[in-house]
Amino acid sequence: QLKESGGGLVQTGGSLRLSCRGSGFSFNDYTIGWFRQAPGMGYEGLSRISSDGTTHYADSVKGRFTISSDNARGTVYLEMNSLKPEDTAVYYCAQAPTAVQLPTSPTSWGQGTQVTVSS
């Protein structure tokens, strides 16, 4: 089970840190990723962190967002800086046994957390 938190309203250029807390499994065994869905749009993969610590970022967030994991706390974070109005979306975390499986067949999703960036 995954649960996101940390969303909210922020001005353009501001920062937020999202958290994805997992329970019932070991983060050491899964790849955890962050996705978002803007109004009327499909899901967009943003970033992922594999069990070995390897990270990957979409071009749209590279250099602005940072993913990290605290396996002892069972939590993955997404630090978001230099936020833009186009970052407004519901942000979700998801897990899968491998990075390849994450976009198409994740094991579970969180319920999402709203991020709104005002201009």
C-alpha atoms as a PDB file:
ATOM      1  CA  GLN A   1       0.000   0.000   0.000  1.00  0.00           C
ATOM      2  CA  LEU A   2       1.221   3.468  -0.896  1.00  0.00           C
ATOM      3  CA  LYS A   3       0.154   6.848   0.436  1.00  0.00           C
ATOM      4  CA  GLU A   4       1.227  10.235  -0.895  1.00  0.00           C
ATOM      5  CA  SER A   5       1.385  13.467   1.044  1.00  0.00           C
ATOM      6  CA  GLY A   6       2.896  16.913   0.782  1.00  0.00           C
ATOM      7  CA  GLY A   7       0.863  18.450  -1.997  1.00  0.00           C
ATOM      8  CA  GLY A   8      -0.580  21.940  -1.803  1.00  0.00           C
ATOM      9  CA  LEU A   9      -0.768  25.382  -3.332  1.00  0.00           C
ATOM     10  CA  VAL A  10       2.461  27.159  -4.202  1.00  0.00           C
ATOM     11  CA  GLN A  11       3.430  30.159  -6.290  1.00  0.00           C
ATOM     12  CA  THR A  12       5.452  29.962  -9.491  1.00  0.00           C
ATOM     13  CA  GLY A  13       9.084  29.392  -8.636  1.00  0.00           C
ATOM     14  CA  GLY A  14       8.253  27.807  -5.312  1.00  0.00           C
ATOM     15  CA  SER A  15       9.074  24.377  -3.954  1.00  0.00           C
ATOM     16  CA  LEU A  16       7.277  21.396  -2.480  1.00  0.00           C
ATOM     17  CA  ARG A  17       8.387  18.025  -1.195  1.00  0.00           C
ATOM     18  CA  LEU A  18       6.100  15.084  -1.785  1.00  0.00           C
ATOM     19  CA  SER A  19       6.305  11.916   0.250  1.00  0.00           C
ATOM     20  CA  CYS A  20       5.265   8.400  -0.701  1.00  0.00           C
ATOM     21  CA  ARG A  21       5.030   6.119   2.284  1.00  0.00           C
ATOM     22  CA  GLY A  22       4.766   2.411   1.698  1.00  0.00           C
ATOM     23  CA  SER A  23       3.571  -0.339   3.958  1.00  0.00           C
ATOM     24  CA  GLY A  24       3.448  -4.089   3.717  1.00  0.00           C
ATOM     25  CA  PHE A  25       6.519  -4.475   1.555  1.00  0.00           C
ATOM     26  CA  SER A  26      10.218  -3.703   1.470  1.00  0.00           C
ATOM     27  CA  PHE A  27      11.403  -0.798  -0.662  1.00  0.00           C
ATOM     28  CA  ASN A  28      14.536  -2.837  -1.226  1.00  0.00           C
ATOM     29  CA  ASP A  29      12.533  -5.143  -3.512  1.00  0.00           C
ATOM     30  CA  TYR A  30      10.765  -2.568  -5.703  1.00  0.00           C
ATOM     31  CA  THR A  31      11.175   0.342  -8.062  1.00  0.00           C
ATOM     32  CA  ILE A  32       9.134   3.332  -6.933  1.00  0.00           C
ATOM     33  CA  GLY A  33       8.043   5.994  -9.362  1.00  0.00           C
ATOM     34  CA  TRP A  34       6.216   9.300  -9.415  1.00  0.00           C
ATOM     35  CA  PHE A  35       3.560  10.118 -11.994  1.00  0.00           C
ATOM     36  CA  ARG A  36       1.174  12.988 -12.460  1.00  0.00           C
ATOM     37  CA  GLN A  37      -2.100  13.636 -14.201  1.00  0.00           C
ATOM     38  CA  ALA A  38      -3.081  17.152 -15.173  1.00  0.00           C
ATOM     39  CA  PRO A  39      -6.769  17.973 -15.806  1.00  0.00           C
ATOM     40  CA  GLY A  40      -7.924  16.382 -19.040  1.00  0.00           C
ATOM     41  CA  MET A  41      -4.550  14.766 -19.660  1.00  0.00           C
ATOM     42  CA  GLY A  42      -3.111  11.275 -19.410  1.00  0.00           C
ATOM     43  CA  TYR A  43      -0.602  10.054 -16.887  1.00  0.00           C
ATOM     44  CA  GLU A  44       2.943  11.364 -17.205  1.00  0.00           C
ATOM     45  CA  GLY A  45       5.866   9.494 -15.730  1.00  0.00           C
ATOM     46  CA  LEU A  46       8.177  11.876 -13.901  1.00  0.00           C
ATOM     47  CA  SER A  47      10.838  10.000 -12.032  1.00  0.00           C
ATOM     48  CA  ARG A  48      11.701   6.631 -10.576  1.00  0.00           C
ATOM     49  CA  ILE A  49      14.187   5.147  -8.173  1.00  0.00           C
ATOM     50  CA  SER A  50      15.179   1.508  -8.342  1.00  0.00           C
ATOM     51  CA  SER A  51      16.065  -0.750  -5.446  1.00  0.00           C
ATOM     52  CA  ASP A  52      19.777  -0.206  -6.193  1.00  0.00           C
ATOM     53  CA  GLY A  53      19.335   3.565  -6.005  1.00  0.00           C
ATOM     54  CA  THR A  54      19.426   4.211  -9.739  1.00  0.00           C
ATOM     55  CA  THR A  55      17.296   7.210 -10.632  1.00  0.00           C
ATOM     56  CA  HIS A  56      15.647   8.393 -13.819  1.00  0.00           C
ATOM     57  CA  TYR A  57      13.905  11.642 -14.719  1.00  0.00           C
ATOM     58  CA  ALA A  58      11.619  12.774 -17.485  1.00  0.00           C
ATOM     59  CA  ASP A  59      12.952  15.676 -19.531  1.00  0.00           C
ATOM     60  CA  SER A  60      10.101  17.857 -18.294  1.00  0.00           C
ATOM     61  CA  VAL A  61      11.385  17.744 -14.707  1.00  0.00           C
ATOM     62  CA  LYS A  62      15.084  17.043 -15.086  1.00  0.00           C
ATOM     63  CA  GLY A  63      17.115  19.568 -13.121  1.00  0.00           C
ATOM     64  CA  ARG A  64      14.089  20.732 -11.119  1.00  0.00           C
ATOM     65  CA  PHE A  65      12.856  17.578  -9.366  1.00  0.00           C
ATOM     66  CA  THR A  66      14.891  15.188  -7.239  1.00  0.00           C
ATOM     67  CA  ILE A  67      13.803  11.727  -6.146  1.00  0.00           C
ATOM     68  CA  SER A  68      15.247  10.067  -3.067  1.00  0.00           C
ATOM     69  CA  SER A  69      14.480   7.099  -0.870  1.00  0.00           C
ATOM     70  CA  ASP A  70      14.691   6.434   2.840  1.00  0.00           C
ATOM     71  CA  ASN A  71      14.293   2.674   2.927  1.00  0.00           C
ATOM     72  CA  ALA A  72      14.450   2.566   6.716  1.00  0.00           C
ATOM     73  CA  ARG A  73      11.385   4.809   6.850  1.00  0.00           C
ATOM     74  CA  GLY A  74       9.731   3.129   3.872  1.00  0.00           C
ATOM     75  CA  THR A  75       9.367   6.469   2.158  1.00  0.00           C
ATOM     76  CA  VAL A  76      10.281   7.904  -1.233  1.00  0.00           C
ATOM     77  CA  TYR A  77      10.445  11.660  -1.665  1.00  0.00           C
ATOM     78  CA  LEU A  78      10.061  13.952  -4.646  1.00  0.00           C
ATOM     79  CA  GLU A  79      11.662  17.335  -4.076  1.00  0.00           C
ATOM     80  CA  MET A  80      10.168  19.791  -6.555  1.00  0.00           C
ATOM     81  CA  ASN A  81      11.822  23.158  -7.176  1.00  0.00           C
ATOM     82  CA  SER A  82      11.251  26.000  -9.624  1.00  0.00           C
ATOM     83  CA  LEU A  83       7.626  24.985  -9.962  1.00  0.00           C
ATOM     84  CA  LYS A  84       5.627  26.230 -12.932  1.00  0.00           C
ATOM     85  CA  PRO A  85       1.872  26.516 -13.513  1.00  0.00           C
ATOM     86  CA  GLU A  86       2.141  23.591 -15.944  1.00  0.00           C
ATOM     87  CA  ASP A  87       3.250  21.403 -13.037  1.00  0.00           C
ATOM     88  CA  THR A  88      -0.283  21.630 -11.654  1.00  0.00           C
ATOM     89  CA  ALA A  89      -1.626  18.089 -11.442  1.00  0.00           C
ATOM     90  CA  VAL A  90      -2.489  15.236  -9.147  1.00  0.00           C
ATOM     91  CA  TYR A  91       0.744  13.466  -8.255  1.00  0.00           C
ATOM     92  CA  TYR A  92       0.835   9.715  -7.665  1.00  0.00           C
ATOM     93  CA  CYS A  93       3.446   7.234  -6.627  1.00  0.00           C
ATOM     94  CA  ALA A  94       3.474   3.640  -7.796  1.00  0.00           C
ATOM     95  CA  GLN A  95       5.574   0.545  -7.280  1.00  0.00           C
ATOM     96  CA  ALA A  96       6.698  -2.330  -9.459  1.00  0.00           C
ATOM     97  CA  PRO A  97       9.281  -5.127  -9.161  1.00  0.00           C
ATOM     98  CA  THR A  98      11.339  -3.564 -11.954  1.00  0.00           C
ATOM     99  CA  ALA A  99      11.658  -0.238 -13.747  1.00  0.00           C
ATOM    100  CA  VAL A 100      10.464  -1.853 -16.983  1.00  0.00           C
ATOM    101  CA  GLN A 101       7.218  -2.945 -15.362  1.00  0.00           C
ATOM    102  CA  LEU A 102       6.525   0.373 -13.643  1.00  0.00           C
ATOM    103  CA  PRO A 103       4.822   2.278 -16.500  1.00  0.00           C
ATOM    104  CA  THR A 104       2.602  -0.565 -17.707  1.00  0.00           C
ATOM    105  CA  SER A 105       1.938  -2.924 -14.827  1.00  0.00           C
ATOM    106  CA  PRO A 106       2.610  -1.378 -11.447  1.00  0.00           C
ATOM    107  CA  THR A 107       1.823  -3.479  -8.407  1.00  0.00           C
ATOM    108  CA  SER A 108      -0.015  -0.649  -6.667  1.00  0.00           C
ATOM    109  CA  TRP A 109      -0.731   3.082  -6.783  1.00  0.00           C
ATOM    110  CA  GLY A 110      -1.297   5.660  -4.117  1.00  0.00           C
ATOM    111  CA  GLN A 111      -4.435   7.770  -3.949  1.00  0.00           C
ATOM    112  CA  GLY A 112      -2.685  10.906  -5.191  1.00  0.00           C
ATOM    113  CA  THR A 113      -1.942  14.352  -3.821  1.00  0.00           C
ATOM    114  CA  GLN A 114      -2.918  17.611  -5.505  1.00  0.00           C
ATOM    115  CA  VAL A 115      -0.237  20.118  -6.478  1.00  0.00           C
ATOM    116  CA  THR A 116      -1.384  23.530  -7.665  1.00  0.00           C
ATOM    117  CA  VAL A 117       1.066  26.145  -8.892  1.00  0.00           C
ATOM    118  CA  SER A 118      -0.348  29.644  -9.199  1.00  0.00           C
ATOM    119  CA  SER A 119       0.980  32.140 -11.724  1.00  0.00           C
END
